Protein backbone atom coordinates (compact mmCIF):
# COMPACT_ATOMS: atom_id res chain seq x y z
CA UNK A 1 168.67 27.05 41.97
CA UNK A 2 166.70 23.60 41.51
CA UNK A 3 169.53 21.18 42.74
CA UNK A 4 168.83 19.69 45.86
CA UNK A 5 170.59 20.70 49.14
CA UNK A 6 171.42 19.61 52.01
CA UNK A 7 169.97 20.46 55.67
CA UNK A 8 171.44 24.01 57.30
CA UNK A 9 173.34 23.81 60.14
CA UNK A 10 172.25 25.98 62.79
CA UNK A 11 174.98 28.41 63.75
CA UNK A 12 174.30 28.09 67.34
CA UNK A 13 173.98 24.63 67.72
CA UNK A 14 173.88 20.93 65.70
CA UNK A 15 170.22 21.14 65.58
CA UNK A 16 168.52 22.06 62.02
CA UNK A 17 165.69 23.68 61.12
CA UNK A 18 162.46 22.29 62.20
CA UNK A 19 160.19 22.39 59.95
CA UNK A 20 157.03 24.31 60.41
CA UNK A 21 153.86 22.50 62.86
CA UNK A 22 156.90 20.29 64.85
CA UNK A 23 157.95 20.53 68.35
CA UNK A 24 159.06 23.87 68.90
CA UNK A 25 163.06 24.86 69.72
CA UNK A 26 163.16 23.80 73.97
CA UNK A 27 166.36 24.25 76.16
CA UNK A 28 167.76 21.07 77.84
CA UNK A 29 165.71 20.22 81.25
CA UNK A 30 162.69 22.22 80.34
CA UNK A 31 158.93 20.89 80.60
CA UNK A 32 157.50 20.13 76.92
CA UNK A 33 155.19 22.49 75.74
CA UNK A 34 152.14 22.05 73.68
CA UNK A 35 151.90 22.27 69.95
CA UNK A 36 151.28 25.62 68.58
CA UNK A 37 148.20 25.85 67.41
CA UNK A 38 147.86 25.47 63.41
CA UNK A 39 146.80 29.41 61.60
CA UNK A 40 145.69 29.35 58.15
CA UNK A 41 148.09 30.95 55.92
CA UNK A 42 147.01 33.63 54.73
CA UNK A 43 146.94 34.02 50.52
CA UNK A 44 147.28 38.47 50.74
CA UNK A 45 150.10 38.37 53.58
CA UNK A 46 152.10 35.40 55.71
CA UNK A 47 152.93 38.01 58.63
CA UNK A 48 152.54 36.67 61.98
CA UNK A 49 148.84 36.87 63.40
CA UNK A 50 147.56 36.46 66.96
CA UNK A 51 144.71 33.66 66.79
CA UNK A 52 140.76 34.32 66.64
CA UNK A 53 139.94 32.80 69.71
CA UNK A 54 136.27 32.27 68.53
CA UNK A 55 137.24 30.36 64.90
CA UNK A 56 139.45 27.57 65.84
CA UNK A 57 138.09 24.64 67.32
CA UNK A 58 137.68 25.52 70.52
CA UNK A 59 134.58 28.50 69.88
CA UNK A 60 132.29 25.98 69.71
CA UNK A 61 132.07 26.02 73.70
CA UNK A 62 133.00 29.55 74.18
CA UNK A 63 130.04 30.50 71.68
CA UNK A 64 127.66 28.06 73.36
CA UNK A 65 128.40 29.87 76.87
CA UNK A 66 127.97 33.44 75.60
CA UNK A 67 124.78 33.08 73.82
CA UNK A 68 123.30 32.68 77.33
CA UNK A 69 124.68 35.06 79.07
CA UNK A 70 123.60 37.89 76.15
CA UNK A 71 120.25 36.46 76.30
CA UNK A 72 120.30 36.95 80.04
CA UNK A 73 122.04 40.39 79.60
CA UNK A 74 119.45 41.94 77.15
CA UNK A 75 116.34 40.33 78.51
CA UNK A 76 115.38 38.24 75.36
CA UNK A 77 114.17 34.98 76.61
CA UNK A 78 115.19 31.96 74.05
CA UNK A 79 112.52 29.59 72.34
CA UNK A 80 112.08 32.15 69.65
CA UNK A 81 109.49 34.94 68.10
CA UNK A 82 106.47 33.51 70.17
CA UNK A 83 108.44 33.30 73.27
CA UNK A 84 109.77 36.63 73.21
CA UNK A 85 106.17 38.12 72.21
CA UNK A 86 105.05 36.21 75.38
CA UNK A 87 107.92 37.39 77.66
CA UNK A 88 107.35 41.26 76.56
CA UNK A 89 103.39 40.84 76.78
CA UNK A 90 104.17 39.87 80.88
CA UNK A 91 107.05 42.69 81.57
CA UNK A 92 103.86 45.42 79.91
CA UNK A 93 101.16 44.04 82.41
CA UNK A 94 103.91 43.89 85.09
CA UNK A 95 104.81 47.16 84.63
CA UNK A 96 101.86 48.89 83.98
CA UNK A 97 102.34 48.32 80.53
CA UNK A 98 104.72 51.52 80.15
CA UNK A 99 108.24 51.51 79.36
CA UNK A 100 110.48 54.30 80.89
CA UNK A 101 112.23 56.62 78.63
CA UNK A 102 116.18 56.37 79.55
CA UNK A 103 116.96 60.33 80.17
CA UNK A 104 119.78 61.77 77.91
CA UNK A 105 123.25 62.44 79.65
CA UNK A 106 123.06 65.89 80.73
CA UNK A 107 125.24 68.26 78.70
CA UNK A 108 124.99 71.01 80.53
CA UNK A 109 127.49 69.71 83.02
CA UNK A 110 129.78 69.02 79.90
CA UNK A 111 129.46 72.43 78.21
CA UNK A 112 132.97 74.48 79.40
CA UNK A 113 132.86 78.12 79.89
CA UNK A 114 131.15 80.51 77.15
CA UNK A 115 133.76 82.60 75.20
CA UNK A 116 134.70 86.15 76.28
CA UNK A 117 132.76 88.62 74.49
CA UNK A 118 134.58 91.31 72.27
CA UNK A 119 134.36 94.59 72.90
CA UNK A 120 132.10 95.36 69.79
CA UNK A 121 129.42 92.32 70.78
CA UNK A 122 129.32 93.68 74.13
CA UNK A 123 128.68 97.17 72.68
CA UNK A 124 125.86 95.82 70.55
CA UNK A 125 124.06 93.39 73.43
CA UNK A 126 124.39 96.75 75.59
CA UNK A 127 122.31 98.54 72.95
CA UNK A 128 120.03 95.20 72.71
CA UNK A 129 119.46 95.62 76.85
CA UNK A 130 118.37 99.40 77.11
CA UNK A 131 114.62 100.53 76.03
CA UNK A 132 113.96 101.78 72.61
CA UNK A 133 112.80 105.85 72.92
CA UNK A 134 108.77 104.02 72.35
CA UNK A 135 109.46 101.84 75.59
CA UNK A 136 110.82 104.26 77.35
CA UNK A 137 107.76 107.12 76.62
CA UNK A 138 104.86 103.94 76.99
CA UNK A 139 106.27 103.67 80.68
CA UNK A 140 105.97 107.36 81.61
CA UNK A 141 102.77 107.54 80.09
CA UNK A 142 101.64 104.33 81.93
CA UNK A 143 102.94 106.08 84.96
CA UNK A 144 100.86 108.94 84.79
CA UNK A 145 97.91 107.33 84.30
CA UNK A 146 98.62 105.22 87.02
CA UNK A 147 99.51 108.12 89.50
CA UNK A 148 96.13 110.25 88.16
CA UNK A 149 94.00 107.56 88.92
CA UNK A 150 95.59 106.75 92.23
CA UNK A 151 94.91 110.53 92.92
CA UNK A 152 90.92 110.00 91.42
CA UNK A 153 90.56 107.48 93.43
CA UNK A 154 91.60 109.02 96.42
CA UNK A 155 89.97 112.21 95.77
CA UNK A 156 86.59 110.28 95.37
CA UNK A 157 87.18 109.11 98.92
CA UNK A 158 87.61 112.63 100.43
CA UNK A 159 84.54 113.42 98.48
CA UNK A 160 82.33 110.60 99.04
CA UNK A 161 83.65 109.28 102.63
CA UNK A 162 85.57 111.96 104.75
CA UNK A 163 83.83 115.04 104.28
CA UNK A 164 80.76 112.94 105.58
CA UNK A 165 82.44 111.46 108.58
CA UNK A 166 84.16 115.52 109.82
CA UNK A 167 80.57 117.16 108.54
CA UNK A 168 78.95 114.53 111.28
CA UNK A 169 81.14 115.34 113.79
CA UNK A 170 81.20 119.44 113.64
CA UNK A 171 77.25 119.01 113.14
CA UNK A 172 76.74 116.95 115.71
CA UNK A 173 79.13 119.15 118.05
CA UNK A 174 77.08 122.50 117.38
CA UNK A 175 73.56 120.93 117.88
CA UNK A 176 74.90 119.11 121.61
CA UNK A 177 76.16 122.91 121.81
CA UNK A 178 72.48 125.02 121.33
CA UNK A 179 70.94 122.14 123.29
CA UNK A 180 73.11 123.00 126.39
CA UNK A 181 72.71 126.34 126.07
CA UNK A 182 69.08 126.04 125.83
CA UNK A 183 69.19 123.78 128.94
CA UNK A 184 71.64 126.38 131.07
CA UNK A 185 68.67 129.38 130.25
CA UNK A 186 71.36 130.86 127.82
CA UNK A 187 69.70 133.47 125.73
CA UNK A 188 70.36 133.87 121.64
CA UNK A 189 70.20 136.91 120.35
CA UNK A 190 67.41 138.46 117.84
CA UNK A 191 70.07 138.89 115.13
CA UNK A 192 72.28 136.00 114.03
CA UNK A 193 75.97 136.08 112.62
CA UNK A 194 76.66 134.61 109.64
CA UNK A 195 77.76 130.95 110.83
CA UNK A 196 75.95 131.14 113.92
CA UNK A 197 73.02 128.14 114.85
CA UNK A 198 70.33 129.45 116.24
CA UNK A 199 67.56 126.23 115.47
CA UNK A 200 67.63 122.36 115.24
CA UNK A 201 65.62 120.92 111.66
CA UNK A 202 64.12 117.65 112.15
CA UNK A 203 62.75 115.51 109.35
CA UNK A 204 61.11 112.27 110.72
CA UNK A 205 60.66 110.18 108.13
CA UNK A 206 64.55 110.71 106.57
CA UNK A 207 65.76 110.51 110.23
CA UNK A 208 67.33 113.63 109.95
CA UNK A 209 68.48 115.80 112.94
CA UNK A 210 70.85 118.79 111.44
CA UNK A 211 71.29 122.45 113.44
CA UNK A 212 70.41 125.71 111.22
CA UNK A 213 72.99 128.64 110.70
CA UNK A 214 72.68 131.88 109.72
CA UNK A 215 73.86 132.26 106.22
CA UNK A 216 74.14 129.77 103.12
CA UNK A 217 78.10 130.04 102.88
CA UNK A 218 79.67 126.89 102.19
CA UNK A 219 82.94 127.20 104.06
CA UNK A 220 80.92 128.35 107.01
CA UNK A 221 77.86 126.32 107.06
CA UNK A 222 76.70 124.08 104.56
CA UNK A 223 80.17 122.44 104.47
CA UNK A 224 79.87 121.81 108.54
CA UNK A 225 77.12 119.31 107.71
CA UNK A 226 74.61 122.16 109.20
CA UNK A 227 71.59 123.83 107.35
CA UNK A 228 71.67 127.16 106.17
CA UNK A 229 69.37 129.61 106.13
CA UNK A 230 68.65 132.58 103.61
CA UNK A 231 69.02 135.47 105.47
CA UNK A 232 71.47 137.62 103.62
CA UNK A 233 71.27 140.33 100.74
CA UNK A 234 68.51 139.59 98.09
CA UNK A 235 67.68 136.59 99.07
CA UNK A 236 67.16 137.17 102.57
CA UNK A 237 63.65 134.83 104.19
CA UNK A 238 61.93 135.07 106.69
CA UNK A 239 62.00 133.53 110.38
CA UNK A 240 60.29 130.66 111.41
CA UNK A 241 58.43 133.38 114.33
CA UNK A 242 57.38 135.64 111.74
CA UNK A 243 53.67 135.97 111.32
CA UNK A 244 53.90 135.91 107.37
CA UNK A 245 56.53 134.89 105.33
CA UNK A 246 58.54 131.74 103.85
CA UNK A 247 61.39 130.20 105.48
CA UNK A 248 64.16 129.54 103.25
CA UNK A 249 66.49 126.59 104.02
CA UNK A 250 69.49 125.23 102.27
CA UNK A 251 71.72 121.82 102.23
CA UNK A 252 74.16 119.59 100.91
CA UNK A 253 72.62 116.64 98.93
CA UNK A 254 75.92 114.85 98.86
CA UNK A 255 79.23 114.64 100.50
CA UNK A 256 80.05 117.31 103.74
CA UNK A 257 76.89 115.18 105.89
CA UNK A 258 74.41 115.27 102.98
CA UNK A 259 70.91 116.26 105.49
CA UNK A 260 69.06 117.00 102.00
CA UNK A 261 70.17 113.78 100.36
CA UNK A 262 66.77 111.97 100.01
CA UNK A 263 64.24 114.88 100.39
CA UNK A 264 63.04 114.31 97.02
CA UNK A 265 61.20 110.97 99.23
CA UNK A 266 59.74 113.35 100.96
CA UNK A 267 55.12 112.86 100.25
CA UNK A 268 52.34 114.93 101.23
CA UNK A 269 52.01 115.35 104.74
CA UNK A 270 55.16 114.63 106.07
CA UNK A 271 56.02 116.62 108.94
CA UNK A 272 59.49 118.68 108.77
CA UNK A 273 60.05 120.34 112.56
CA UNK A 274 62.13 123.02 113.62
CA UNK A 275 62.85 123.34 116.78
CA UNK A 276 64.39 126.85 118.52
CA UNK A 277 64.77 127.82 122.36
CA UNK A 278 61.59 128.50 123.07
CA UNK A 279 59.26 126.75 120.29
CA UNK A 280 58.83 123.58 118.13
CA UNK A 281 57.15 124.98 114.54
CA UNK A 282 55.76 122.06 113.36
CA UNK A 283 55.08 122.13 108.79
CA UNK A 284 53.33 119.49 106.91
CA UNK A 285 55.01 119.29 102.80
CA UNK A 286 52.77 120.31 100.38
CA UNK A 287 54.43 120.08 96.80
CA UNK A 288 57.66 119.78 95.41
CA UNK A 289 59.44 121.34 92.30
CA UNK A 290 61.68 118.18 91.03
CA UNK A 291 63.83 120.13 88.63
CA UNK A 292 64.50 123.91 88.59
CA UNK A 293 67.46 126.30 87.49
CA UNK A 294 70.18 127.36 90.22
CA UNK A 295 68.88 131.34 88.84
CA UNK A 296 65.20 130.63 89.88
CA UNK A 297 65.00 132.18 93.48
CA UNK A 298 61.46 132.85 93.08
CA UNK A 299 61.01 129.56 94.56
CA UNK A 300 61.77 131.80 97.33
CA UNK A 301 59.29 134.05 97.67
CA UNK A 302 56.87 134.98 100.07
CA UNK A 303 54.41 133.06 98.23
CA UNK A 304 56.54 131.25 95.71
CA UNK A 305 54.65 130.32 92.05
CA UNK A 306 54.36 126.88 91.54
CA UNK A 307 53.78 125.84 95.05
CA UNK A 308 50.24 125.96 95.30
CA UNK A 309 50.08 128.52 98.17
CA UNK A 310 47.41 131.68 96.87
CA UNK A 311 48.14 133.71 99.98
CA UNK A 312 50.48 134.92 102.30
CA UNK A 313 51.06 132.10 104.91
CA UNK A 314 54.08 131.09 107.12
CA UNK A 315 55.91 128.83 104.37
CA UNK A 316 58.96 126.36 104.81
CA UNK A 317 61.33 125.74 101.36
CA UNK A 318 63.92 123.49 101.27
CA UNK A 319 66.28 123.71 98.52
CA UNK A 320 69.31 121.00 97.75
CA UNK A 321 71.39 120.20 94.19
CA UNK A 322 69.75 117.79 91.64
CA UNK A 323 70.74 115.32 90.21
CA UNK A 324 72.76 113.55 92.70
CA UNK A 325 76.68 114.23 92.57
CA UNK A 326 75.87 117.50 90.67
CA UNK A 327 75.01 121.14 91.07
CA UNK A 328 73.24 121.57 87.51
CA UNK A 329 69.67 122.09 88.79
CA UNK A 330 68.09 122.52 92.84
CA UNK A 331 65.11 120.38 93.96
CA UNK A 332 62.47 122.04 95.50
CA UNK A 333 60.21 121.08 98.17
CA UNK A 334 57.24 123.41 99.93
CA UNK A 335 55.83 123.08 103.37
CA UNK A 336 52.81 125.13 105.38
CA UNK A 337 53.22 125.49 109.01
CA UNK A 338 50.38 123.45 111.16
CA UNK A 339 51.42 123.83 114.39
CA UNK A 340 53.43 126.17 117.17
CA UNK A 341 54.20 124.23 120.11
CA UNK A 342 55.94 126.24 123.08
CA UNK A 343 58.58 123.89 125.02
CA UNK A 344 57.28 123.94 128.11
CA UNK A 345 54.11 122.02 126.51
CA UNK A 346 56.47 119.22 125.74
CA UNK A 347 57.47 117.84 121.96
CA UNK A 348 54.77 117.77 119.27
CA UNK A 349 53.36 114.65 118.20
CA UNK A 350 55.92 114.32 115.08
CA UNK A 351 58.93 113.67 117.41
CA UNK A 352 57.27 111.51 119.31
CA UNK A 353 55.69 108.73 117.06
């Protein structure tokens, strides 16, 4: 319809519709209001819009005021790229040239409770935690090795240390007992029982003082730190007071007091003294046999072969194991009596020097 038509009257009053942009309707007595801002019409839609505060005429001051605050918040100085570079250099020199790295948020606290495992998953994890047979076997073997090593260490400690402690105590007690008996006038019998002490051996060069007992039994004599006399059976040898013969002695070289440990250091002319209740018998070392089998009992003969003796005499033979810490072979030391001194005349020179 193209014909002109008159203005419509308002249903609630006589005031006609105002054109867009005119003063809005106001009731009588209300203060006048500012006119609405002009909003450009969008070609796509004519729906009502909220005006952009930065797109109108007032956007200029707002943008100008927001720019300094944004630059101050970000720390970017105004004045262009050169000014920003200088400011960055100043900040780097002021803070040591290092920039802190912001730590990321802790996500461990944000993670919620884990989902409960199903029965199948729980069994699978239990099987994984259970050691395999190979692991169990390796652990058992390791424990056996460790236990064996500890036991071996204890055994070595017992052999090399504790047996010496006990043997020295027992030998020292026997020596003092002999000296006390001799001082009290108690006479010793002419025949001694196995394990009974009857003399004291002195080797001044080696600082050895040990009691001599009858027999060469490990349990009754040698393991107690005493020197044993070959006085039984086929290996019976002469006593020191015999007119001729070979006085044969044996003792440990290692452990159990080890009185003969260093007899390999004896040299020709070194003194060996046997002290009895009435007499000192002084011998001088003449020769040594470094290695011989244990079966070579001829070293105890009245005239031992290889000793250098050619006729009967009053000899002494010291026997012990060799090499050290083994009993595979025997070490032999021979000596010849050079002095028989009564105790009433005092100690011989070999014990005084």
